[in-house]
Amino acid sequence: MAMLWPMQVMLSSALHAQLLAQAQAALPKECCGLLLGSGSTIDRITPAPNVSDTPERAFEIDPATLIAAERAMRRGGDNIIGYYHSHPNGRAEPSPHDAAAAACDGRLWLVIAHSQITAWRTIRGGALLDVFDPVSLRLAD
C-alpha cells in the first residue's frame, strides 16, 4: 500500500547539513542512502554505497544496505520512509532516469543538487514525469 504524504515533511537542520556535506564529498559521483523516520518526520539517514555502473549519472543503493535496513525494520527498528540521492551536475528534482527506476510506492525521495534539497513522493500520475509529486521540506532545529 502506498504511503500518503502530508504536504510537508520535517527534516532537522543537522540532517540537512549532513546531506549537503555527503553530496559534496561524493563529487563527482552521486551519493545515495535511506531515509528513516515516522509520520512526516525524517529522523535519521543511512548512507549507502552507490553501486551503479555509472555513478556520475545515476544511483543504485547497495542491496546489502537496503536488505539490512528492511530486516531491522521488521524487527522493530526504524521505518524506511524513503531514499535520497544527489545530482552533482543537475537540478534538485528527479530526472527521467529517476522516474524510470522509481517504484510508485508512495515513498519519499530527496534530491540534492548544489546547495538545495527538494522532497518528492512517488505516485502513479505524479505531477513531475508522471511519477513524482512535490512535497514541502520544512527544516527544524
N, C-alpha and C. Protein backbone atom coordinates (compact mmCIF):
# COMPACT_ATOMS: atom_id res chain seq x y z
N MET A 1 0.84 -1.18 0.00
CA MET A 1 0.00 0.00 0.00
C MET A 1 0.89 1.25 0.00
N ALA A 2 0.56 2.20 -0.83
CA ALA A 2 1.35 3.42 -0.95
C ALA A 2 1.11 4.32 0.25
N MET A 3 2.19 4.97 0.69
CA MET A 3 2.07 5.95 1.77
C MET A 3 1.52 7.24 1.19
N LEU A 4 0.69 7.92 1.93
CA LEU A 4 0.21 9.23 1.52
C LEU A 4 0.90 10.27 2.38
N TRP A 5 1.68 11.12 1.75
CA TRP A 5 2.45 12.12 2.49
C TRP A 5 1.64 13.36 2.68
N PRO A 6 1.79 13.96 3.87
CA PRO A 6 1.20 15.29 4.04
C PRO A 6 1.92 16.27 3.13
N MET A 7 1.46 17.46 3.08
CA MET A 7 2.06 18.46 2.21
C MET A 7 3.45 18.88 2.70
N GLN A 8 3.83 18.48 3.91
CA GLN A 8 5.08 18.95 4.48
C GLN A 8 5.80 17.82 5.21
N VAL A 9 7.11 17.73 5.03
CA VAL A 9 7.94 16.75 5.72
C VAL A 9 8.98 17.51 6.52
N MET A 10 9.24 17.03 7.75
CA MET A 10 10.19 17.69 8.64
C MET A 10 11.58 17.06 8.51
N LEU A 11 12.60 17.90 8.48
CA LEU A 11 13.99 17.48 8.43
C LEU A 11 14.78 18.41 9.34
N SER A 12 15.58 17.85 10.24
CA SER A 12 16.36 18.70 11.14
C SER A 12 17.43 19.45 10.35
N SER A 13 17.83 20.59 10.87
CA SER A 13 18.90 21.36 10.25
C SER A 13 20.19 20.55 10.21
N ALA A 14 20.42 19.74 11.24
CA ALA A 14 21.63 18.91 11.29
C ALA A 14 21.63 17.87 10.17
N LEU A 15 20.49 17.20 9.94
CA LEU A 15 20.42 16.22 8.85
C LEU A 15 20.53 16.91 7.49
N HIS A 16 19.94 18.09 7.37
CA HIS A 16 20.04 18.86 6.12
C HIS A 16 21.52 19.13 5.81
N ALA A 17 22.26 19.59 6.81
CA ALA A 17 23.69 19.86 6.63
C ALA A 17 24.46 18.58 6.31
N GLN A 18 24.09 17.48 6.95
CA GLN A 18 24.76 16.19 6.70
C GLN A 18 24.53 15.74 5.26
N LEU A 19 23.33 15.90 4.75
CA LEU A 19 23.03 15.52 3.37
C LEU A 19 23.84 16.37 2.38
N LEU A 20 23.88 17.67 2.62
CA LEU A 20 24.66 18.54 1.73
C LEU A 20 26.14 18.17 1.75
N ALA A 21 26.67 17.88 2.94
CA ALA A 21 28.08 17.51 3.06
C ALA A 21 28.36 16.18 2.37
N GLN A 22 27.44 15.25 2.50
CA GLN A 22 27.63 13.94 1.86
C GLN A 22 27.64 14.08 0.34
N ALA A 23 26.74 14.89 -0.19
CA ALA A 23 26.70 15.11 -1.63
C ALA A 23 28.00 15.76 -2.11
N GLN A 24 28.51 16.70 -1.36
CA GLN A 24 29.76 17.38 -1.71
C GLN A 24 30.93 16.40 -1.68
N ALA A 25 30.98 15.56 -0.65
CA ALA A 25 32.08 14.61 -0.50
C ALA A 25 32.08 13.54 -1.60
N ALA A 26 30.92 13.25 -2.16
CA ALA A 26 30.80 12.20 -3.18
C ALA A 26 31.20 12.68 -4.58
N LEU A 27 31.30 13.98 -4.76
CA LEU A 27 31.61 14.51 -6.10
C LEU A 27 32.81 13.83 -6.72
N PRO A 28 32.80 13.50 -7.99
CA PRO A 28 31.80 13.83 -9.00
C PRO A 28 30.69 12.79 -9.11
N LYS A 29 30.60 11.90 -8.15
CA LYS A 29 29.59 10.84 -8.18
C LYS A 29 28.34 11.25 -7.40
N GLU A 30 27.27 10.52 -7.62
CA GLU A 30 26.04 10.71 -6.86
C GLU A 30 26.15 9.97 -5.54
N CYS A 31 25.75 10.63 -4.47
CA CYS A 31 25.62 9.93 -3.18
C CYS A 31 24.20 9.37 -3.10
N CYS A 32 23.99 8.44 -2.19
CA CYS A 32 22.64 7.90 -2.02
C CYS A 32 22.51 7.25 -0.65
N GLY A 33 21.26 7.00 -0.27
CA GLY A 33 21.01 6.35 1.00
C GLY A 33 19.53 6.28 1.33
N LEU A 34 19.27 5.88 2.56
CA LEU A 34 17.91 5.64 3.04
C LEU A 34 17.47 6.73 4.00
N LEU A 35 16.18 7.04 3.97
CA LEU A 35 15.56 7.96 4.91
C LEU A 35 14.78 7.14 5.92
N LEU A 36 15.04 7.35 7.19
CA LEU A 36 14.37 6.60 8.26
C LEU A 36 13.58 7.58 9.11
N GLY A 37 12.38 7.15 9.53
CA GLY A 37 11.58 8.04 10.35
C GLY A 37 10.20 7.49 10.60
N SER A 38 9.32 8.39 11.00
CA SER A 38 7.93 8.03 11.26
C SER A 38 7.05 9.23 10.99
N GLY A 39 5.82 8.94 10.63
CA GLY A 39 4.91 10.03 10.33
C GLY A 39 5.49 10.90 9.23
N SER A 40 5.52 12.20 9.46
CA SER A 40 6.04 13.12 8.45
C SER A 40 7.40 13.68 8.85
N THR A 41 8.15 12.90 9.64
CA THR A 41 9.46 13.36 10.11
C THR A 41 10.56 12.40 9.69
N ILE A 42 11.62 12.96 9.11
CA ILE A 42 12.82 12.18 8.81
C ILE A 42 13.69 12.26 10.06
N ASP A 43 13.88 11.12 10.73
CA ASP A 43 14.63 11.08 11.98
C ASP A 43 16.11 10.81 11.78
N ARG A 44 16.43 9.99 10.78
CA ARG A 44 17.82 9.57 10.54
C ARG A 44 18.01 9.31 9.06
N ILE A 45 19.26 9.29 8.65
CA ILE A 45 19.60 8.83 7.30
C ILE A 45 20.62 7.71 7.44
N THR A 46 20.60 6.82 6.47
CA THR A 46 21.61 5.76 6.39
C THR A 46 22.30 5.87 5.05
N PRO A 47 23.51 6.41 5.02
CA PRO A 47 24.24 6.47 3.75
C PRO A 47 24.48 5.06 3.21
N ALA A 48 24.49 4.94 1.90
CA ALA A 48 24.71 3.64 1.26
C ALA A 48 25.71 3.81 0.11
N PRO A 49 26.50 2.79 -0.14
CA PRO A 49 27.35 2.84 -1.33
C PRO A 49 26.48 2.93 -2.59
N ASN A 50 26.94 3.73 -3.56
CA ASN A 50 26.27 3.81 -4.85
C ASN A 50 26.91 2.76 -5.75
N VAL A 51 26.17 1.70 -6.04
CA VAL A 51 26.71 0.59 -6.82
C VAL A 51 26.33 0.66 -8.30
N SER A 52 25.87 1.82 -8.75
CA SER A 52 25.53 2.00 -10.16
C SER A 52 26.77 1.82 -11.03
N ASP A 53 26.57 1.30 -12.23
CA ASP A 53 27.66 1.19 -13.20
C ASP A 53 28.12 2.56 -13.68
N THR A 54 27.25 3.56 -13.55
CA THR A 54 27.57 4.93 -13.96
C THR A 54 27.25 5.89 -12.81
N PRO A 55 28.01 5.83 -11.70
CA PRO A 55 27.68 6.61 -10.51
C PRO A 55 27.79 8.13 -10.70
N GLU A 56 28.37 8.58 -11.79
CA GLU A 56 28.43 10.02 -12.07
C GLU A 56 27.09 10.53 -12.60
N ARG A 57 26.24 9.60 -13.09
CA ARG A 57 24.97 9.99 -13.70
C ARG A 57 23.76 9.30 -13.11
N ALA A 58 23.98 8.32 -12.24
CA ALA A 58 22.87 7.54 -11.73
C ALA A 58 23.22 6.98 -10.36
N PHE A 59 22.20 6.51 -9.66
CA PHE A 59 22.46 5.89 -8.36
C PHE A 59 21.73 4.56 -8.27
N GLU A 60 22.33 3.67 -7.53
CA GLU A 60 21.70 2.41 -7.14
C GLU A 60 22.17 2.13 -5.72
N ILE A 61 21.21 2.08 -4.81
CA ILE A 61 21.54 1.83 -3.41
C ILE A 61 22.05 0.40 -3.27
N ASP A 62 23.16 0.25 -2.58
CA ASP A 62 23.74 -1.06 -2.33
C ASP A 62 22.67 -1.99 -1.76
N PRO A 63 22.39 -3.12 -2.42
CA PRO A 63 21.35 -4.03 -1.95
C PRO A 63 21.58 -4.53 -0.52
N ALA A 64 22.83 -4.73 -0.12
CA ALA A 64 23.11 -5.21 1.25
C ALA A 64 22.64 -4.19 2.29
N THR A 65 22.84 -2.90 2.00
CA THR A 65 22.39 -1.84 2.91
C THR A 65 20.87 -1.84 3.00
N LEU A 66 20.21 -1.96 1.87
CA LEU A 66 18.74 -1.96 1.83
C LEU A 66 18.17 -3.18 2.54
N ILE A 67 18.74 -4.34 2.29
CA ILE A 67 18.25 -5.58 2.95
C ILE A 67 18.45 -5.50 4.45
N ALA A 68 19.58 -5.02 4.90
CA ALA A 68 19.84 -4.89 6.34
C ALA A 68 18.83 -3.94 6.99
N ALA A 69 18.52 -2.84 6.33
CA ALA A 69 17.55 -1.89 6.87
C ALA A 69 16.14 -2.48 6.89
N GLU A 70 15.78 -3.22 5.86
CA GLU A 70 14.46 -3.88 5.81
C GLU A 70 14.35 -4.91 6.94
N ARG A 71 15.40 -5.68 7.16
CA ARG A 71 15.38 -6.68 8.24
C ARG A 71 15.26 -6.00 9.60
N ALA A 72 16.02 -4.93 9.80
CA ALA A 72 15.96 -4.19 11.07
C ALA A 72 14.56 -3.62 11.28
N MET A 73 13.95 -3.12 10.23
CA MET A 73 12.60 -2.56 10.31
C MET A 73 11.60 -3.64 10.75
N ARG A 74 11.73 -4.83 10.17
CA ARG A 74 10.83 -5.94 10.53
C ARG A 74 11.00 -6.37 11.98
N ARG A 75 12.20 -6.14 12.54
CA ARG A 75 12.45 -6.50 13.95
C ARG A 75 12.10 -5.34 14.89
N GLY A 76 11.45 -4.31 14.38
CA GLY A 76 11.05 -3.20 15.23
C GLY A 76 11.94 -1.98 15.13
N GLY A 77 12.89 -1.99 14.21
CA GLY A 77 13.78 -0.84 14.04
C GLY A 77 13.10 0.30 13.30
N ASP A 78 13.90 1.27 12.93
CA ASP A 78 13.38 2.45 12.23
C ASP A 78 12.69 2.08 10.92
N ASN A 79 11.62 2.83 10.61
CA ASN A 79 10.90 2.65 9.35
C ASN A 79 11.67 3.30 8.21
N ILE A 80 11.75 2.60 7.10
CA ILE A 80 12.31 3.19 5.89
C ILE A 80 11.17 3.97 5.24
N ILE A 81 11.32 5.29 5.22
CA ILE A 81 10.25 6.11 4.64
C ILE A 81 10.63 6.64 3.27
N GLY A 82 11.86 6.39 2.84
CA GLY A 82 12.24 6.84 1.52
C GLY A 82 13.73 6.74 1.26
N TYR A 83 14.15 7.49 0.24
CA TYR A 83 15.50 7.42 -0.28
C TYR A 83 16.00 8.83 -0.59
N TYR A 84 17.32 8.96 -0.68
CA TYR A 84 17.88 10.23 -1.13
C TYR A 84 19.03 9.96 -2.08
N HIS A 85 19.30 10.93 -2.92
CA HIS A 85 20.48 10.88 -3.79
C HIS A 85 20.79 12.29 -4.28
N SER A 86 21.97 12.44 -4.83
CA SER A 86 22.40 13.75 -5.32
C SER A 86 22.48 13.77 -6.83
N HIS A 87 22.39 14.97 -7.37
CA HIS A 87 22.60 15.24 -8.79
C HIS A 87 23.78 16.21 -8.90
N PRO A 88 25.01 15.71 -8.97
CA PRO A 88 26.18 16.59 -8.96
C PRO A 88 26.19 17.63 -10.08
N ASN A 89 25.66 17.29 -11.22
CA ASN A 89 25.67 18.20 -12.37
C ASN A 89 24.26 18.49 -12.86
N GLY A 90 23.31 18.38 -11.97
CA GLY A 90 21.94 18.55 -12.41
C GLY A 90 21.13 19.43 -11.49
N ARG A 91 19.83 19.26 -11.58
CA ARG A 91 18.89 20.05 -10.81
C ARG A 91 18.40 19.26 -9.60
N ALA A 92 17.88 19.96 -8.64
CA ALA A 92 17.36 19.33 -7.42
C ALA A 92 15.93 18.86 -7.64
N GLU A 93 15.78 18.03 -8.65
CA GLU A 93 14.50 17.39 -8.92
C GLU A 93 14.76 16.06 -9.61
N PRO A 94 13.82 15.13 -9.48
CA PRO A 94 14.03 13.83 -10.11
C PRO A 94 14.20 13.96 -11.63
N SER A 95 15.06 13.12 -12.15
CA SER A 95 15.35 13.11 -13.59
C SER A 95 14.50 12.05 -14.29
N PRO A 96 14.46 12.07 -15.62
CA PRO A 96 13.79 10.99 -16.34
C PRO A 96 14.36 9.61 -15.97
N HIS A 97 15.68 9.54 -15.74
CA HIS A 97 16.28 8.27 -15.31
C HIS A 97 15.73 7.85 -13.95
N ASP A 98 15.58 8.81 -13.04
CA ASP A 98 14.99 8.52 -11.72
C ASP A 98 13.57 7.99 -11.88
N ALA A 99 12.80 8.63 -12.75
CA ALA A 99 11.41 8.22 -12.95
C ALA A 99 11.32 6.79 -13.48
N ALA A 100 12.23 6.44 -14.38
CA ALA A 100 12.23 5.08 -14.95
C ALA A 100 12.56 4.03 -13.89
N ALA A 101 13.36 4.41 -12.89
CA ALA A 101 13.79 3.46 -11.87
C ALA A 101 12.88 3.44 -10.64
N ALA A 102 12.02 4.42 -10.50
CA ALA A 102 11.23 4.56 -9.27
C ALA A 102 10.06 3.59 -9.22
N ALA A 103 9.85 3.02 -8.04
CA ALA A 103 8.64 2.25 -7.77
C ALA A 103 7.60 3.26 -7.29
N CYS A 104 6.43 3.19 -7.80
CA CYS A 104 5.37 4.12 -7.38
C CYS A 104 4.75 3.59 -6.09
N ASP A 105 5.54 3.61 -5.02
CA ASP A 105 5.12 3.03 -3.75
C ASP A 105 4.78 4.07 -2.69
N GLY A 106 4.77 5.34 -3.09
CA GLY A 106 4.43 6.40 -2.15
C GLY A 106 5.55 6.83 -1.24
N ARG A 107 6.72 6.21 -1.37
CA ARG A 107 7.84 6.60 -0.51
C ARG A 107 8.38 7.96 -0.90
N LEU A 108 9.09 8.55 0.04
CA LEU A 108 9.67 9.87 -0.11
C LEU A 108 11.02 9.77 -0.82
N TRP A 109 11.31 10.74 -1.66
CA TRP A 109 12.62 10.88 -2.30
C TRP A 109 13.13 12.28 -2.02
N LEU A 110 14.36 12.40 -1.59
CA LEU A 110 15.03 13.68 -1.51
C LEU A 110 16.07 13.73 -2.61
N VAL A 111 16.15 14.87 -3.29
CA VAL A 111 17.13 15.06 -4.35
C VAL A 111 17.97 16.28 -3.97
N ILE A 112 19.29 16.08 -3.99
CA ILE A 112 20.25 17.11 -3.58
C ILE A 112 21.01 17.58 -4.81
N ALA A 113 21.05 18.88 -5.01
CA ALA A 113 21.86 19.45 -6.10
C ALA A 113 22.38 20.80 -5.64
N HIS A 114 23.68 20.96 -5.76
CA HIS A 114 24.34 22.19 -5.33
C HIS A 114 24.04 22.38 -3.85
N SER A 115 23.40 23.42 -3.43
CA SER A 115 23.09 23.60 -2.00
C SER A 115 21.60 23.51 -1.73
N GLN A 116 20.89 22.82 -2.60
CA GLN A 116 19.43 22.71 -2.48
C GLN A 116 19.01 21.25 -2.31
N ILE A 117 17.99 21.03 -1.48
CA ILE A 117 17.40 19.71 -1.31
C ILE A 117 15.90 19.85 -1.51
N THR A 118 15.34 19.00 -2.36
CA THR A 118 13.89 19.01 -2.58
C THR A 118 13.32 17.65 -2.20
N ALA A 119 12.02 17.63 -1.90
CA ALA A 119 11.34 16.41 -1.47
C ALA A 119 10.22 16.07 -2.45
N TRP A 120 10.06 14.77 -2.66
CA TRP A 120 9.07 14.25 -3.61
C TRP A 120 8.50 12.96 -3.07
N ARG A 121 7.28 12.62 -3.48
CA ARG A 121 6.76 11.28 -3.21
C ARG A 121 6.47 10.61 -4.53
N THR A 122 6.66 9.31 -4.55
CA THR A 122 6.43 8.57 -5.79
C THR A 122 4.98 8.12 -5.83
N ILE A 123 4.35 8.39 -6.95
CA ILE A 123 2.94 8.05 -7.12
C ILE A 123 2.62 8.00 -8.62
N ARG A 124 1.84 7.03 -9.01
CA ARG A 124 1.42 6.97 -10.42
C ARG A 124 0.63 8.22 -10.76
N GLY A 125 0.97 8.80 -11.90
CA GLY A 125 0.29 10.01 -12.33
C GLY A 125 0.80 11.26 -11.64
N GLY A 126 2.00 11.18 -11.04
CA GLY A 126 2.56 12.34 -10.35
C GLY A 126 2.74 13.54 -11.27
N ALA A 127 2.83 14.71 -10.66
CA ALA A 127 2.93 15.96 -11.41
C ALA A 127 4.21 16.08 -12.22
N LEU A 128 5.30 15.46 -11.76
CA LEU A 128 6.57 15.52 -12.48
C LEU A 128 6.88 14.15 -13.07
N LEU A 129 7.03 14.11 -14.37
CA LEU A 129 7.40 12.89 -15.10
C LEU A 129 6.41 11.76 -14.86
N ASP A 130 5.20 12.11 -14.47
CA ASP A 130 4.12 11.15 -14.26
C ASP A 130 4.40 10.19 -13.10
N VAL A 131 5.41 10.52 -12.25
CA VAL A 131 5.83 9.63 -11.17
C VAL A 131 6.01 10.35 -9.83
N PHE A 132 6.34 11.63 -9.83
CA PHE A 132 6.72 12.33 -8.61
C PHE A 132 5.79 13.51 -8.33
N ASP A 133 5.36 13.63 -7.07
CA ASP A 133 4.63 14.81 -6.60
C ASP A 133 5.53 15.56 -5.63
N PRO A 134 5.58 16.89 -5.73
CA PRO A 134 6.41 17.65 -4.80
C PRO A 134 5.84 17.62 -3.39
N VAL A 135 6.74 17.64 -2.42
CA VAL A 135 6.40 17.69 -1.00
C VAL A 135 7.23 18.82 -0.40
N SER A 136 6.62 19.64 0.42
CA SER A 136 7.35 20.73 1.08
C SER A 136 8.29 20.16 2.14
N LEU A 137 9.50 20.65 2.16
CA LEU A 137 10.51 20.21 3.13
C LEU A 137 10.68 21.34 4.15
N ARG A 138 10.35 21.05 5.40
CA ARG A 138 10.46 22.05 6.47
C ARG A 138 11.63 21.72 7.38
N LEU A 139 12.52 22.70 7.54
CA LEU A 139 13.67 22.49 8.41
C LEU A 139 13.31 22.80 9.85
N ALA A 140 13.75 21.94 10.74
CA ALA A 140 13.51 22.12 12.18
C ALA A 140 14.85 22.08 12.89
N ASP A 141 14.95 22.76 14.00
CA ASP A 141 16.19 22.74 14.79
C ASP A 141 16.27 21.52 15.67
